[in-house]
N, C-alpha and C. Protein backbone atom coordinates (compact mmCIF):
# COMPACT_ATOMS: atom_id res chain seq x y z
N MET A 1 -6.46 -3.47 8.35
CA MET A 1 -6.91 -2.11 8.27
C MET A 1 -7.21 -1.78 6.81
N LYS A 2 -8.13 -0.88 6.61
CA LYS A 2 -8.46 -0.45 5.26
C LYS A 2 -7.53 0.68 4.84
N VAL A 3 -6.99 0.56 3.64
CA VAL A 3 -6.13 1.60 3.09
C VAL A 3 -6.56 1.91 1.66
N MET A 4 -6.27 3.13 1.22
CA MET A 4 -6.57 3.51 -0.15
C MET A 4 -5.26 3.61 -0.92
N LEU A 5 -5.24 3.03 -2.10
CA LEU A 5 -4.08 3.10 -2.99
C LEU A 5 -4.43 4.03 -4.14
N ARG A 6 -3.49 4.90 -4.51
CA ARG A 6 -3.67 5.78 -5.65
C ARG A 6 -2.30 6.16 -6.18
N GLU A 7 -2.28 6.82 -7.34
CA GLU A 7 -1.04 7.34 -7.90
C GLU A 7 -1.06 8.86 -7.82
N ASN A 8 0.11 9.45 -7.52
CA ASN A 8 0.19 10.91 -7.53
C ASN A 8 0.48 11.39 -8.95
N SER A 9 0.68 12.69 -9.13
CA SER A 9 0.87 13.27 -10.46
C SER A 9 2.15 12.79 -11.14
N GLU A 10 3.14 12.32 -10.36
CA GLU A 10 4.37 11.79 -10.96
C GLU A 10 4.29 10.30 -11.26
N GLY A 11 3.17 9.67 -10.91
CA GLY A 11 3.01 8.24 -11.17
C GLY A 11 3.49 7.34 -10.05
N THR A 12 3.82 7.92 -8.90
CA THR A 12 4.27 7.16 -7.73
C THR A 12 3.07 6.62 -6.98
N LEU A 13 3.14 5.37 -6.54
CA LEU A 13 2.07 4.76 -5.77
C LEU A 13 2.02 5.38 -4.38
N ILE A 14 0.83 5.78 -3.94
CA ILE A 14 0.61 6.41 -2.64
C ILE A 14 -0.35 5.54 -1.83
N VAL A 15 -0.05 5.37 -0.53
CA VAL A 15 -0.92 4.64 0.39
C VAL A 15 -1.48 5.65 1.39
N TYR A 16 -2.81 5.64 1.57
CA TYR A 16 -3.46 6.50 2.56
C TYR A 16 -4.15 5.62 3.59
N VAL A 17 -3.79 5.79 4.87
CA VAL A 17 -4.41 5.06 5.97
C VAL A 17 -5.28 6.06 6.73
N ALA A 18 -6.60 5.94 6.57
CA ALA A 18 -7.52 6.92 7.15
C ALA A 18 -7.48 6.94 8.68
N LYS A 19 -7.43 5.77 9.31
CA LYS A 19 -7.45 5.72 10.78
C LYS A 19 -6.26 6.43 11.40
N LYS A 20 -5.14 6.46 10.70
CA LYS A 20 -3.92 7.11 11.19
C LYS A 20 -3.71 8.48 10.55
N ASP A 21 -4.58 8.86 9.62
CA ASP A 21 -4.43 10.09 8.84
C ASP A 21 -3.01 10.16 8.27
N LEU A 22 -2.60 9.07 7.63
CA LEU A 22 -1.24 8.90 7.12
C LEU A 22 -1.28 8.73 5.61
N GLU A 23 -0.47 9.50 4.92
CA GLU A 23 -0.34 9.36 3.47
C GLU A 23 1.14 9.31 3.15
N GLU A 24 1.59 8.19 2.60
CA GLU A 24 3.01 8.00 2.32
C GLU A 24 3.21 7.36 0.95
N GLU A 25 4.38 7.64 0.36
CA GLU A 25 4.77 7.02 -0.90
C GLU A 25 5.26 5.60 -0.65
N VAL A 26 5.02 4.73 -1.62
CA VAL A 26 5.58 3.38 -1.60
C VAL A 26 6.98 3.46 -2.19
N VAL A 27 7.99 3.05 -1.41
CA VAL A 27 9.37 3.12 -1.88
C VAL A 27 9.89 1.77 -2.34
N LYS A 28 9.18 0.68 -1.97
CA LYS A 28 9.64 -0.66 -2.35
C LYS A 28 8.44 -1.60 -2.39
N GLN A 29 8.41 -2.47 -3.40
CA GLN A 29 7.37 -3.49 -3.52
C GLN A 29 8.04 -4.85 -3.66
N THR A 30 7.61 -5.81 -2.82
CA THR A 30 8.14 -7.17 -2.89
C THR A 30 7.00 -8.16 -2.78
N ASP A 31 7.25 -9.38 -3.21
CA ASP A 31 6.28 -10.46 -3.05
C ASP A 31 6.71 -11.31 -1.87
N GLY A 32 5.79 -11.55 -0.94
CA GLY A 32 6.06 -12.39 0.21
C GLY A 32 5.14 -13.60 0.20
N SER A 33 5.30 -14.47 1.17
CA SER A 33 4.47 -15.68 1.25
C SER A 33 3.01 -15.34 1.54
N GLU A 34 2.75 -14.20 2.20
CA GLU A 34 1.39 -13.80 2.55
C GLU A 34 0.75 -12.90 1.50
N GLY A 35 1.53 -12.42 0.54
CA GLY A 35 1.00 -11.52 -0.49
C GLY A 35 2.01 -10.45 -0.84
N LYS A 36 1.55 -9.39 -1.46
CA LYS A 36 2.40 -8.27 -1.88
C LYS A 36 2.74 -7.43 -0.65
N ILE A 37 4.02 -7.06 -0.51
CA ILE A 37 4.49 -6.25 0.62
C ILE A 37 4.97 -4.91 0.08
N PHE A 38 4.39 -3.82 0.61
CA PHE A 38 4.79 -2.47 0.25
C PHE A 38 5.55 -1.86 1.43
N THR A 39 6.71 -1.28 1.17
CA THR A 39 7.45 -0.53 2.17
C THR A 39 7.20 0.95 1.91
N LEU A 40 6.75 1.65 2.94
CA LEU A 40 6.41 3.07 2.81
C LEU A 40 7.61 3.94 3.15
N ALA A 41 7.55 5.20 2.77
CA ALA A 41 8.64 6.15 3.01
C ALA A 41 8.93 6.33 4.49
N ASN A 42 7.94 6.13 5.36
CA ASN A 42 8.16 6.29 6.80
C ASN A 42 8.69 5.02 7.47
N GLY A 43 8.91 3.95 6.68
CA GLY A 43 9.46 2.71 7.22
C GLY A 43 8.44 1.62 7.47
N TRP A 44 7.17 1.94 7.45
CA TRP A 44 6.14 0.91 7.65
C TRP A 44 6.20 -0.12 6.52
N GLU A 45 5.90 -1.36 6.86
CA GLU A 45 5.72 -2.40 5.86
C GLU A 45 4.29 -2.91 5.97
N LEU A 46 3.58 -2.88 4.85
CA LEU A 46 2.19 -3.35 4.81
C LEU A 46 2.09 -4.53 3.87
N VAL A 47 1.38 -5.56 4.31
CA VAL A 47 1.16 -6.73 3.45
C VAL A 47 -0.28 -6.70 2.96
N PHE A 48 -0.43 -6.98 1.66
CA PHE A 48 -1.73 -6.99 0.99
C PHE A 48 -1.98 -8.41 0.48
N PRO A 49 -2.79 -9.20 1.21
CA PRO A 49 -2.96 -10.60 0.82
C PRO A 49 -3.78 -10.82 -0.44
N ASP A 50 -4.73 -9.98 -0.74
CA ASP A 50 -5.63 -10.20 -1.88
C ASP A 50 -5.57 -9.06 -2.89
N LEU A 51 -4.37 -8.60 -3.23
CA LEU A 51 -4.24 -7.49 -4.16
C LEU A 51 -4.39 -7.98 -5.59
N PRO A 52 -5.36 -7.42 -6.33
CA PRO A 52 -5.57 -7.87 -7.72
C PRO A 52 -4.42 -7.43 -8.63
N ASP A 53 -4.22 -8.21 -9.68
CA ASP A 53 -3.19 -7.86 -10.66
C ASP A 53 -3.79 -7.98 -12.05
N PRO A 54 -3.87 -6.97 -12.86
CA PRO A 54 -3.29 -5.63 -12.67
C PRO A 54 -4.13 -4.79 -11.72
N LEU A 55 -3.47 -3.86 -11.08
CA LEU A 55 -4.09 -2.99 -10.09
C LEU A 55 -4.72 -1.78 -10.77
N GLN A 56 -6.02 -1.59 -10.55
CA GLN A 56 -6.72 -0.43 -11.09
C GLN A 56 -6.93 0.57 -9.96
N LEU A 57 -6.38 1.77 -10.14
CA LEU A 57 -6.38 2.76 -9.07
C LEU A 57 -7.37 3.88 -9.37
N PRO A 58 -7.89 4.59 -8.38
CA PRO A 58 -7.72 4.37 -6.94
C PRO A 58 -8.53 3.17 -6.47
N LYS A 59 -8.07 2.55 -5.38
CA LYS A 59 -8.72 1.35 -4.87
C LYS A 59 -8.55 1.29 -3.35
N THR A 60 -9.61 0.89 -2.65
CA THR A 60 -9.56 0.67 -1.21
C THR A 60 -9.45 -0.83 -0.96
N VAL A 61 -8.44 -1.22 -0.18
CA VAL A 61 -8.16 -2.64 0.06
C VAL A 61 -7.81 -2.86 1.53
N GLU A 62 -7.79 -4.12 1.92
CA GLU A 62 -7.37 -4.52 3.27
C GLU A 62 -5.86 -4.75 3.29
N ALA A 63 -5.23 -4.30 4.38
CA ALA A 63 -3.78 -4.49 4.55
C ALA A 63 -3.51 -4.78 6.01
N ARG A 64 -2.34 -5.34 6.25
CA ARG A 64 -1.89 -5.60 7.63
C ARG A 64 -0.48 -5.06 7.78
N ARG A 65 -0.22 -4.41 8.90
CA ARG A 65 1.09 -3.81 9.13
C ARG A 65 2.06 -4.86 9.67
N LEU A 66 3.24 -4.94 9.05
CA LEU A 66 4.29 -5.86 9.50
C LEU A 66 5.27 -5.15 10.42
N ALA A 67 5.69 -3.95 10.04
CA ALA A 67 6.71 -3.24 10.82
C ALA A 67 6.42 -1.76 10.84
């Protein structure tokens, strides 16, 4: 699914999923075998296989939901 990554005014990473009309803060970032894994405030885990480093925001990228 396509998601948009951006930072809010406090500098917290925010994920917006347009298809679900969902906007949540990233509460945890880990590296997995498939790529970078972000855990959202609502409990969702999204994996980003091709996330560039360093990340320039805002950016629209592909992600897959794990949980």
